[in-house]
Amino acid sequence: MSPLRRPKNARTTSSVPTSVNSRQTSGGGEPRPEDDSSVTLDGSCGWGCVVVLASFMMHVFTDGFTFSFGIFVEDFVDYFESSKSVVGGIGSVMIGVWWFSGM
């Protein structure tokens, strides 16, 4: 028998249940599951899947536009009738804001 577990029929004088004591908790104070059967994966992820999908799509669009900016430099120069340095400066500011925001 493990020194961290008590038998189910053992009595304790502590007001803390035997499943939640200082030895059986993880670093955050949350009790660890007694065994693997207490963690269930039922296949439905609910809002978690929506959040992950939305985050993935946001990164696809922002990263895609940011990293493909160089492909469109010639088109932007022709459309705005500007120089490559001005258009490149716009791209640099865009990437700087992207990095500064923590993306």
N, C-alpha and C. Protein backbone atom coordinates (compact mmCIF):
# COMPACT_ATOMS: atom_id res chain seq x y z
N MET A 1 0.84 -1.18 0.00
CA MET A 1 0.00 0.00 0.00
C MET A 1 0.89 1.24 0.00
N SER A 2 0.51 2.22 -0.78
CA SER A 2 1.27 3.45 -0.89
C SER A 2 1.15 4.27 0.39
N PRO A 3 2.23 4.94 0.82
CA PRO A 3 2.13 5.75 2.03
C PRO A 3 1.24 6.98 1.86
N LEU A 4 0.91 7.34 0.63
CA LEU A 4 0.06 8.51 0.40
C LEU A 4 -1.42 8.18 0.43
N ARG A 5 -1.77 6.92 0.35
CA ARG A 5 -3.19 6.53 0.34
C ARG A 5 -3.53 5.79 1.63
N ARG A 6 -4.72 6.04 2.09
CA ARG A 6 -5.22 5.34 3.27
C ARG A 6 -6.25 4.32 2.81
N PRO A 7 -6.41 3.28 3.53
CA PRO A 7 -7.48 2.35 3.19
C PRO A 7 -8.83 3.04 3.27
N LYS A 8 -9.78 2.60 2.48
CA LYS A 8 -11.09 3.25 2.44
C LYS A 8 -11.84 3.14 3.76
N ASN A 9 -11.55 2.12 4.55
CA ASN A 9 -12.27 1.97 5.80
C ASN A 9 -11.52 2.61 6.99
N ALA A 10 -10.40 3.29 6.74
CA ALA A 10 -9.64 3.92 7.83
C ALA A 10 -10.34 5.19 8.29
N ARG A 11 -10.32 5.43 9.60
CA ARG A 11 -10.91 6.64 10.16
C ARG A 11 -9.83 7.68 10.32
N THR A 12 -10.23 8.93 10.21
CA THR A 12 -9.29 10.03 10.39
C THR A 12 -9.90 11.03 11.35
N THR A 13 -9.06 11.71 12.10
CA THR A 13 -9.55 12.71 13.04
C THR A 13 -9.52 14.10 12.43
N SER A 14 -8.97 14.23 11.24
CA SER A 14 -8.89 15.51 10.57
C SER A 14 -10.25 15.89 9.99
N SER A 15 -10.53 17.20 9.91
CA SER A 15 -11.77 17.65 9.31
C SER A 15 -11.68 17.68 7.79
N VAL A 16 -10.46 17.49 7.26
CA VAL A 16 -10.26 17.47 5.82
C VAL A 16 -10.51 16.05 5.33
N PRO A 17 -11.29 15.88 4.26
CA PRO A 17 -11.52 14.53 3.75
C PRO A 17 -10.20 13.87 3.37
N THR A 18 -10.18 12.55 3.41
CA THR A 18 -8.94 11.84 3.12
C THR A 18 -8.49 12.03 1.69
N SER A 19 -9.38 12.36 0.76
CA SER A 19 -8.96 12.53 -0.62
C SER A 19 -8.33 13.90 -0.86
N VAL A 20 -8.48 14.84 0.08
CA VAL A 20 -7.89 16.17 -0.09
C VAL A 20 -7.05 16.48 1.14
N ASN A 21 -5.82 16.07 1.13
CA ASN A 21 -4.90 16.50 2.17
C ASN A 21 -3.65 17.03 1.51
N SER A 22 -2.71 17.52 2.26
CA SER A 22 -1.56 18.22 1.70
C SER A 22 -0.67 17.29 0.88
N ARG A 23 -0.68 16.02 1.15
CA ARG A 23 0.17 15.10 0.39
C ARG A 23 -0.46 14.68 -0.93
N GLN A 24 -1.77 14.75 -1.03
CA GLN A 24 -2.44 14.27 -2.22
C GLN A 24 -2.88 15.40 -3.14
N THR A 25 -2.41 16.59 -2.94
CA THR A 25 -2.79 17.68 -3.82
C THR A 25 -1.63 18.02 -4.72
N SER A 26 -1.96 18.56 -5.89
CA SER A 26 -0.92 19.02 -6.79
C SER A 26 -0.47 20.39 -6.33
N GLY A 27 0.45 21.01 -7.05
CA GLY A 27 1.03 22.29 -6.64
C GLY A 27 0.01 23.39 -6.46
N GLY A 28 -1.10 23.38 -7.20
CA GLY A 28 -2.09 24.43 -7.11
C GLY A 28 -3.11 24.22 -6.01
N GLY A 29 -3.00 23.16 -5.25
CA GLY A 29 -3.94 22.91 -4.18
C GLY A 29 -5.15 22.10 -4.61
N GLU A 30 -5.26 21.79 -5.88
CA GLU A 30 -6.38 20.98 -6.35
C GLU A 30 -6.09 19.51 -6.07
N PRO A 31 -7.09 18.77 -5.67
CA PRO A 31 -6.86 17.35 -5.40
C PRO A 31 -6.57 16.58 -6.69
N ARG A 32 -5.66 15.65 -6.61
CA ARG A 32 -5.37 14.78 -7.74
C ARG A 32 -6.46 13.72 -7.84
N PRO A 33 -6.74 13.26 -9.05
CA PRO A 33 -7.72 12.18 -9.16
C PRO A 33 -7.20 10.92 -8.47
N GLU A 34 -8.10 10.20 -7.85
CA GLU A 34 -7.72 8.98 -7.14
C GLU A 34 -7.18 7.94 -8.10
N ASP A 35 -7.82 7.80 -9.25
CA ASP A 35 -7.34 6.86 -10.26
C ASP A 35 -7.73 7.39 -11.63
N ASP A 36 -7.34 6.70 -12.66
CA ASP A 36 -7.60 7.16 -14.02
C ASP A 36 -9.07 7.09 -14.39
N SER A 37 -9.87 6.32 -13.68
CA SER A 37 -11.28 6.19 -14.03
C SER A 37 -12.07 7.44 -13.68
N SER A 38 -11.52 8.35 -12.84
CA SER A 38 -12.26 9.56 -12.49
C SER A 38 -12.17 10.61 -13.59
N VAL A 39 -11.24 10.48 -14.53
CA VAL A 39 -11.13 11.40 -15.64
C VAL A 39 -11.82 10.77 -16.84
N THR A 40 -12.89 11.42 -17.29
CA THR A 40 -13.64 10.85 -18.40
C THR A 40 -13.51 11.74 -19.62
N LEU A 41 -13.39 11.13 -20.75
CA LEU A 41 -13.39 11.82 -22.03
C LEU A 41 -14.56 11.29 -22.82
N ASP A 42 -15.61 12.10 -22.89
CA ASP A 42 -16.83 11.63 -23.52
C ASP A 42 -16.92 11.98 -25.01
N GLY A 43 -15.93 12.67 -25.53
CA GLY A 43 -15.94 12.97 -26.95
C GLY A 43 -16.54 14.32 -27.31
N SER A 44 -17.30 14.93 -26.42
CA SER A 44 -17.84 16.25 -26.71
C SER A 44 -16.99 17.28 -26.00
N CYS A 45 -16.50 18.23 -26.77
CA CYS A 45 -15.62 19.23 -26.15
C CYS A 45 -16.32 20.56 -25.96
N GLY A 46 -17.53 20.68 -26.41
CA GLY A 46 -18.33 21.87 -26.15
C GLY A 46 -17.67 23.15 -26.64
N TRP A 47 -17.65 24.16 -25.76
CA TRP A 47 -17.09 25.46 -26.12
C TRP A 47 -15.60 25.40 -26.31
N GLY A 48 -14.93 24.40 -25.76
CA GLY A 48 -13.49 24.28 -25.94
C GLY A 48 -13.11 24.14 -27.40
N CYS A 49 -13.87 23.33 -28.14
CA CYS A 49 -13.61 23.15 -29.57
C CYS A 49 -13.85 24.44 -30.34
N VAL A 50 -14.86 25.19 -29.96
CA VAL A 50 -15.16 26.45 -30.63
C VAL A 50 -14.03 27.45 -30.41
N VAL A 51 -13.53 27.53 -29.18
CA VAL A 51 -12.45 28.46 -28.87
C VAL A 51 -11.18 28.07 -29.61
N VAL A 52 -10.85 26.79 -29.62
CA VAL A 52 -9.65 26.33 -30.32
C VAL A 52 -9.76 26.59 -31.81
N LEU A 53 -10.90 26.30 -32.41
CA LEU A 53 -11.11 26.53 -33.83
C LEU A 53 -11.04 28.02 -34.17
N ALA A 54 -11.67 28.86 -33.35
CA ALA A 54 -11.64 30.30 -33.60
C ALA A 54 -10.21 30.85 -33.48
N SER A 55 -9.48 30.38 -32.49
CA SER A 55 -8.09 30.82 -32.33
C SER A 55 -7.24 30.37 -33.51
N PHE A 56 -7.43 29.14 -33.96
CA PHE A 56 -6.68 28.64 -35.10
C PHE A 56 -6.97 29.47 -36.35
N MET A 57 -8.24 29.75 -36.61
CA MET A 57 -8.60 30.52 -37.79
C MET A 57 -8.07 31.95 -37.71
N MET A 58 -8.08 32.55 -36.52
CA MET A 58 -7.55 33.89 -36.36
C MET A 58 -6.06 33.91 -36.70
N HIS A 59 -5.33 32.90 -36.22
CA HIS A 59 -3.90 32.84 -36.51
C HIS A 59 -3.63 32.54 -37.98
N VAL A 60 -4.47 31.74 -38.61
CA VAL A 60 -4.30 31.45 -40.04
C VAL A 60 -4.41 32.74 -40.85
N PHE A 61 -5.43 33.54 -40.56
CA PHE A 61 -5.63 34.76 -41.34
C PHE A 61 -4.59 35.82 -41.02
N THR A 62 -4.31 36.05 -39.75
CA THR A 62 -3.34 37.11 -39.42
C THR A 62 -1.94 36.72 -39.85
N ASP A 63 -1.52 35.49 -39.59
CA ASP A 63 -0.19 35.07 -40.02
C ASP A 63 -0.10 34.99 -41.53
N GLY A 64 -1.15 34.51 -42.17
CA GLY A 64 -1.15 34.42 -43.62
C GLY A 64 -1.03 35.76 -44.28
N PHE A 65 -1.78 36.75 -43.81
CA PHE A 65 -1.70 38.07 -44.41
C PHE A 65 -0.36 38.73 -44.11
N THR A 66 0.13 38.57 -42.89
CA THR A 66 1.39 39.20 -42.51
C THR A 66 2.56 38.62 -43.29
N PHE A 67 2.62 37.31 -43.40
CA PHE A 67 3.76 36.68 -44.05
C PHE A 67 3.66 36.68 -45.58
N SER A 68 2.49 36.93 -46.13
CA SER A 68 2.36 36.99 -47.59
C SER A 68 2.34 38.42 -48.10
N PHE A 69 2.61 39.38 -47.25
CA PHE A 69 2.59 40.79 -47.65
C PHE A 69 3.58 41.07 -48.77
N GLY A 70 4.74 40.43 -48.73
CA GLY A 70 5.77 40.65 -49.75
C GLY A 70 5.35 40.25 -51.14
N ILE A 71 4.42 39.32 -51.25
CA ILE A 71 3.93 38.91 -52.56
C ILE A 71 3.15 40.03 -53.24
N PHE A 72 2.49 40.85 -52.44
CA PHE A 72 1.61 41.88 -52.98
C PHE A 72 2.26 43.26 -53.06
N VAL A 73 3.55 43.37 -52.77
CA VAL A 73 4.21 44.68 -52.78
C VAL A 73 4.12 45.33 -54.15
N GLU A 74 4.42 44.61 -55.21
CA GLU A 74 4.35 45.19 -56.57
C GLU A 74 2.94 45.67 -56.89
N ASP A 75 1.94 44.89 -56.51
CA ASP A 75 0.56 45.30 -56.78
C ASP A 75 0.19 46.55 -55.98
N PHE A 76 0.64 46.64 -54.73
CA PHE A 76 0.36 47.82 -53.92
C PHE A 76 1.08 49.04 -54.47
N VAL A 77 2.30 48.86 -54.98
CA VAL A 77 3.04 49.98 -55.57
C VAL A 77 2.29 50.51 -56.78
N ASP A 78 1.81 49.61 -57.62
CA ASP A 78 1.07 50.04 -58.82
C ASP A 78 -0.27 50.67 -58.45
N TYR A 79 -0.98 50.08 -57.51
CA TYR A 79 -2.32 50.56 -57.16
C TYR A 79 -2.26 51.93 -56.48
N PHE A 80 -1.35 52.10 -55.53
CA PHE A 80 -1.26 53.36 -54.79
C PHE A 80 -0.31 54.37 -55.44
N GLU A 81 0.33 53.98 -56.55
CA GLU A 81 1.27 54.84 -57.26
C GLU A 81 2.29 55.42 -56.29
N SER A 82 2.95 54.53 -55.61
CA SER A 82 3.90 54.90 -54.57
C SER A 82 5.20 54.16 -54.80
N SER A 83 6.18 54.41 -53.95
CA SER A 83 7.47 53.72 -54.08
C SER A 83 7.47 52.45 -53.23
N LYS A 84 8.44 51.58 -53.53
CA LYS A 84 8.54 50.34 -52.76
C LYS A 84 8.90 50.61 -51.31
N SER A 85 9.63 51.68 -51.04
CA SER A 85 10.02 51.97 -49.66
C SER A 85 8.82 52.37 -48.80
N VAL A 86 7.88 53.11 -49.37
CA VAL A 86 6.68 53.49 -48.63
C VAL A 86 5.81 52.27 -48.36
N VAL A 87 5.63 51.44 -49.36
CA VAL A 87 4.83 50.23 -49.19
C VAL A 87 5.52 49.28 -48.22
N GLY A 88 6.85 49.18 -48.32
CA GLY A 88 7.60 48.35 -47.38
C GLY A 88 7.51 48.87 -45.96
N GLY A 89 7.45 50.19 -45.80
CA GLY A 89 7.28 50.77 -44.47
C GLY A 89 5.94 50.41 -43.86
N ILE A 90 4.91 50.36 -44.69
CA ILE A 90 3.59 49.95 -44.20
C ILE A 90 3.64 48.50 -43.73
N GLY A 91 4.30 47.66 -44.50
CA GLY A 91 4.45 46.25 -44.09
C GLY A 91 5.26 46.12 -42.82
N SER A 92 6.30 46.96 -42.66
CA SER A 92 7.11 46.91 -41.45
C SER A 92 6.31 47.34 -40.22
N VAL A 93 5.50 48.37 -40.38
CA VAL A 93 4.66 48.80 -39.26
C VAL A 93 3.66 47.71 -38.91
N MET A 94 3.11 47.05 -39.93
CA MET A 94 2.15 45.98 -39.68
C MET A 94 2.80 44.84 -38.88
N ILE A 95 3.99 44.43 -39.28
CA ILE A 95 4.67 43.35 -38.56
C ILE A 95 5.11 43.81 -37.17
N GLY A 96 5.52 45.07 -37.03
CA GLY A 96 5.89 45.60 -35.72
C GLY A 96 4.72 45.60 -34.75
N VAL A 97 3.56 46.00 -35.22
CA VAL A 97 2.35 45.98 -34.37
C VAL A 97 2.00 44.55 -34.03
N TRP A 98 2.14 43.65 -34.98
CA TRP A 98 1.85 42.24 -34.78
C TRP A 98 2.77 41.67 -33.70
N TRP A 99 4.05 41.96 -33.75
CA TRP A 99 4.98 41.48 -32.73
C TRP A 99 4.76 42.17 -31.39
N PHE A 100 4.49 43.47 -31.41
CA PHE A 100 4.27 44.21 -30.16
C PHE A 100 3.02 43.72 -29.44
N SER A 101 2.02 43.27 -30.18
CA SER A 101 0.79 42.80 -29.54
C SER A 101 0.92 41.41 -28.95
N GLY A 102 2.01 40.72 -29.26
CA GLY A 102 2.24 39.42 -28.67
C GLY A 102 1.74 38.26 -29.49
N MET A 103 1.45 38.47 -30.72
CA MET A 103 0.98 37.38 -31.56
C MET A 103 2.18 36.54 -31.88
